[in-house]
Amino acid sequence: MHAETPLNGTAPRFDARLLLLAPEDNCLIAAALLPAGETVEIDGERVTLAKTIGLGHKVARRALAKDEKVVRHGASIGHVSAPPVRRGEHLHTHNLESDYLPTYTHDVGHEFVPHK
């Protein structure tokens, strides 16, 4: 985990299997396969995962509203395309759209997602 210690000396607490790349990020990175039903700690709060989250995939650090920017490593990587995203929810092509590159999915009936 890569978090700076705030002035009060208390750093945010996270499950060791989740990586915070920059303090301003609103998503975390799964450093291991996280099975559905598993409980993880995010900013000191215990959260039960609704779905399995794959290694390297993004997890919402907090609740995110539709069209809210998703920040990873201190930079916006896109926006939430399907509300609501709850703390601990998987962030991927089903609810996250890139603001820079066409988003491609292998889901039946879907192709490149047009940019707005």
C-alpha atoms as a PDB file:
ATOM      1  CA  MET A   1       0.000   0.000   0.000  1.00  0.00           C
ATOM      2  CA  HIS A   2       1.239   3.439  -0.847  1.00  0.00           C
ATOM      3  CA  ALA A   3      -0.486   6.002   1.370  1.00  0.00           C
ATOM      4  CA  GLU A   4       0.876   9.140   2.928  1.00  0.00           C
ATOM      5  CA  THR A   5       0.404   9.642   6.652  1.00  0.00           C
ATOM      6  CA  PRO A   6      -1.930  12.598   7.350  1.00  0.00           C
ATOM      7  CA  LEU A   7      -0.904  15.366   9.761  1.00  0.00           C
ATOM      8  CA  ASN A   8      -2.811  13.702  12.620  1.00  0.00           C
ATOM      9  CA  GLY A   9      -0.496  10.677  12.210  1.00  0.00           C
ATOM     10  CA  THR A  10      -3.272   8.239  11.329  1.00  0.00           C
ATOM     11  CA  ALA A  11      -2.946   6.563   7.929  1.00  0.00           C
ATOM     12  CA  PRO A  12      -6.004   5.064   6.205  1.00  0.00           C
ATOM     13  CA  ARG A  13      -6.361   1.331   6.913  1.00  0.00           C
ATOM     14  CA  PHE A  14      -6.734  -1.144   4.060  1.00  0.00           C
ATOM     15  CA  ASP A  15      -6.762  -4.880   3.587  1.00  0.00           C
ATOM     16  CA  ALA A  16      -3.230  -5.975   2.634  1.00  0.00           C
ATOM     17  CA  ARG A  17      -4.677  -7.408  -0.614  1.00  0.00           C
ATOM     18  CA  LEU A  18      -5.731  -3.926  -1.791  1.00  0.00           C
ATOM     19  CA  LEU A  19      -3.277  -1.327  -3.094  1.00  0.00           C
ATOM     20  CA  LEU A  20      -3.755   2.428  -2.849  1.00  0.00           C
ATOM     21  CA  LEU A  21      -1.527   3.899  -5.567  1.00  0.00           C
ATOM     22  CA  ALA A  22      -1.973   7.594  -4.609  1.00  0.00           C
ATOM     23  CA  PRO A  23      -3.700   9.284  -1.650  1.00  0.00           C
ATOM     24  CA  GLU A  24      -6.250  11.060  -3.882  1.00  0.00           C
ATOM     25  CA  ASP A  25      -7.359   7.835  -5.647  1.00  0.00           C
ATOM     26  CA  ASN A  26     -10.998   6.802  -5.325  1.00  0.00           C
ATOM     27  CA  CYS A  27     -10.214   3.254  -6.430  1.00  0.00           C
ATOM     28  CA  LEU A  28      -7.913   0.536  -5.115  1.00  0.00           C
ATOM     29  CA  ILE A  29      -6.155  -2.261  -6.985  1.00  0.00           C
ATOM     30  CA  ALA A  30      -6.683  -5.917  -6.076  1.00  0.00           C
ATOM     31  CA  ALA A  31      -3.266  -7.460  -5.352  1.00  0.00           C
ATOM     32  CA  ALA A  32      -4.860 -10.931  -5.172  1.00  0.00           C
ATOM     33  CA  LEU A  33      -7.988 -12.710  -6.326  1.00  0.00           C
ATOM     34  CA  LEU A  34     -10.774 -11.571  -3.973  1.00  0.00           C
ATOM     35  CA  PRO A  35     -13.673 -14.064  -3.891  1.00  0.00           C
ATOM     36  CA  ALA A  36     -17.309 -12.983  -3.606  1.00  0.00           C
ATOM     37  CA  GLY A  37     -18.400 -12.980   0.028  1.00  0.00           C
ATOM     38  CA  GLU A  38     -14.900 -12.110   1.259  1.00  0.00           C
ATOM     39  CA  THR A  39     -14.668  -9.249   3.782  1.00  0.00           C
ATOM     40  CA  VAL A  40     -11.999  -6.589   3.221  1.00  0.00           C
ATOM     41  CA  GLU A  41     -11.052  -3.408   5.040  1.00  0.00           C
ATOM     42  CA  ILE A  42     -11.291  -0.139   3.094  1.00  0.00           C
ATOM     43  CA  ASP A  43     -10.365   3.092   4.889  1.00  0.00           C
ATOM     44  CA  GLY A  44     -10.965   1.331   8.194  1.00  0.00           C
ATOM     45  CA  GLU A  45     -14.443   0.033   7.235  1.00  0.00           C
ATOM     46  CA  ARG A  46     -15.137  -3.676   6.764  1.00  0.00           C
ATOM     47  CA  VAL A  47     -16.861  -4.354   3.420  1.00  0.00           C
ATOM     48  CA  THR A  48     -18.206  -7.682   2.123  1.00  0.00           C
ATOM     49  CA  LEU A  49     -17.570  -8.127  -1.605  1.00  0.00           C
ATOM     50  CA  ALA A  50     -20.677  -8.863  -3.674  1.00  0.00           C
ATOM     51  CA  LYS A  51     -18.717 -10.300  -6.626  1.00  0.00           C
ATOM     52  CA  THR A  52     -15.318 -11.887  -7.194  1.00  0.00           C
ATOM     53  CA  ILE A  53     -12.652  -9.319  -8.088  1.00  0.00           C
ATOM     54  CA  GLY A  54      -9.727 -10.477 -10.192  1.00  0.00           C
ATOM     55  CA  LEU A  55      -6.055  -9.781  -9.603  1.00  0.00           C
ATOM     56  CA  GLY A  56      -5.168  -6.306 -10.885  1.00  0.00           C
ATOM     57  CA  HIS A  57      -8.773  -5.142 -11.129  1.00  0.00           C
ATOM     58  CA  LYS A  58     -10.100  -1.936  -9.591  1.00  0.00           C
ATOM     59  CA  VAL A  59     -12.263  -1.706  -6.447  1.00  0.00           C
ATOM     60  CA  ALA A  60     -14.246   1.405  -5.478  1.00  0.00           C
ATOM     61  CA  ARG A  61     -12.642   3.049  -2.457  1.00  0.00           C
ATOM     62  CA  ARG A  62     -15.910   4.867  -1.702  1.00  0.00           C
ATOM     63  CA  ALA A  63     -19.384   5.231  -3.205  1.00  0.00           C
ATOM     64  CA  LEU A  64     -19.239   6.832  -6.666  1.00  0.00           C
ATOM     65  CA  ALA A  65     -22.061   8.595  -8.529  1.00  0.00           C
ATOM     66  CA  LYS A  66     -22.876   8.259 -12.231  1.00  0.00           C
ATOM     67  CA  ASP A  67     -20.506  10.393 -14.354  1.00  0.00           C
ATOM     68  CA  GLU A  68     -18.090  10.860 -11.431  1.00  0.00           C
ATOM     69  CA  LYS A  69     -14.427  10.674 -12.454  1.00  0.00           C
ATOM     70  CA  VAL A  70     -12.510   7.555 -11.407  1.00  0.00           C
ATOM     71  CA  VAL A  71      -9.001   8.465 -10.208  1.00  0.00           C
ATOM     72  CA  ARG A  72      -6.157   5.952 -10.293  1.00  0.00           C
ATOM     73  CA  HIS A  73      -2.534   6.810  -9.521  1.00  0.00           C
ATOM     74  CA  GLY A  74      -3.601  10.449  -9.111  1.00  0.00           C
ATOM     75  CA  ALA A  75      -5.068  10.788 -12.617  1.00  0.00           C
ATOM     76  CA  SER A  76      -8.571  10.455 -14.023  1.00  0.00           C
ATOM     77  CA  ILE A  77      -8.934   7.236 -16.022  1.00  0.00           C
ATOM     78  CA  GLY A  78     -12.597   7.620 -16.955  1.00  0.00           C
ATOM     79  CA  HIS A  79     -16.013   8.042 -15.419  1.00  0.00           C
ATOM     80  CA  VAL A  80     -18.701   5.912 -13.787  1.00  0.00           C
ATOM     81  CA  SER A  81     -21.176   4.874 -16.488  1.00  0.00           C
ATOM     82  CA  ALA A  82     -23.714   2.926 -14.382  1.00  0.00           C
ATOM     83  CA  PRO A  83     -24.858   4.089 -10.943  1.00  0.00           C
ATOM     84  CA  PRO A  84     -24.583   3.511  -8.142  1.00  0.00           C
ATOM     85  CA  VAL A  85     -21.145   2.132  -7.442  1.00  0.00           C
ATOM     86  CA  ARG A  86     -20.813   1.162  -3.796  1.00  0.00           C
ATOM     87  CA  ARG A  87     -17.659   1.064  -1.700  1.00  0.00           C
ATOM     88  CA  GLY A  88     -15.927  -2.247  -2.427  1.00  0.00           C
ATOM     89  CA  GLU A  89     -17.648  -2.771  -5.787  1.00  0.00           C
ATOM     90  CA  HIS A  90     -15.703  -3.980  -8.832  1.00  0.00           C
ATOM     91  CA  LEU A  91     -14.889  -1.160 -11.292  1.00  0.00           C
ATOM     92  CA  HIS A  92     -14.562  -2.433 -14.857  1.00  0.00           C
ATOM     93  CA  THR A  93     -16.133  -2.062 -18.314  1.00  0.00           C
ATOM     94  CA  HIS A  94     -19.637  -2.795 -16.965  1.00  0.00           C
ATOM     95  CA  ASN A  95     -19.662   0.420 -14.902  1.00  0.00           C
ATOM     96  CA  LEU A  96     -16.567   2.415 -15.961  1.00  0.00           C
ATOM     97  CA  GLU A  97     -16.061   4.150 -19.292  1.00  0.00           C
ATOM     98  CA  SER A  98     -12.740   5.556 -20.462  1.00  0.00           C
ATOM     99  CA  ASP A  99     -12.703   9.250 -21.318  1.00  0.00           C
ATOM    100  CA  TYR A 100      -9.706   8.682 -23.581  1.00  0.00           C
ATOM    101  CA  LEU A 101      -9.992   5.375 -25.444  1.00  0.00           C
ATOM    102  CA  PRO A 102     -12.938   3.440 -26.846  1.00  0.00           C
ATOM    103  CA  THR A 103     -14.147   0.893 -24.311  1.00  0.00           C
ATOM    104  CA  TYR A 104     -14.439  -2.609 -25.734  1.00  0.00           C
ATOM    105  CA  THR A 105     -16.305  -5.451 -24.141  1.00  0.00           C
ATOM    106  CA  HIS A 106     -16.813  -9.065 -25.145  1.00  0.00           C
ATOM    107  CA  ASP A 107     -20.395  -9.010 -23.834  1.00  0.00           C
ATOM    108  CA  VAL A 108     -22.916 -10.271 -26.390  1.00  0.00           C
ATOM    109  CA  GLY A 109     -24.549  -7.425 -28.303  1.00  0.00           C
ATOM    110  CA  HIS A 110     -21.951  -4.815 -27.296  1.00  0.00           C
ATOM    111  CA  GLU A 111     -19.195  -3.278 -29.336  1.00  0.00           C
ATOM    112  CA  PHE A 112     -17.087  -0.159 -28.918  1.00  0.00           C
ATOM    113  CA  VAL A 113     -18.782   2.344 -26.655  1.00  0.00           C
ATOM    114  CA  PRO A 114     -19.069   5.743 -28.374  1.00  0.00           C
ATOM    115  CA  HIS A 115     -17.605   8.794 -26.623  1.00  0.00           C
ATOM    116  CA  LYS A 116     -19.853  11.655 -25.579  1.00  0.00           C
END
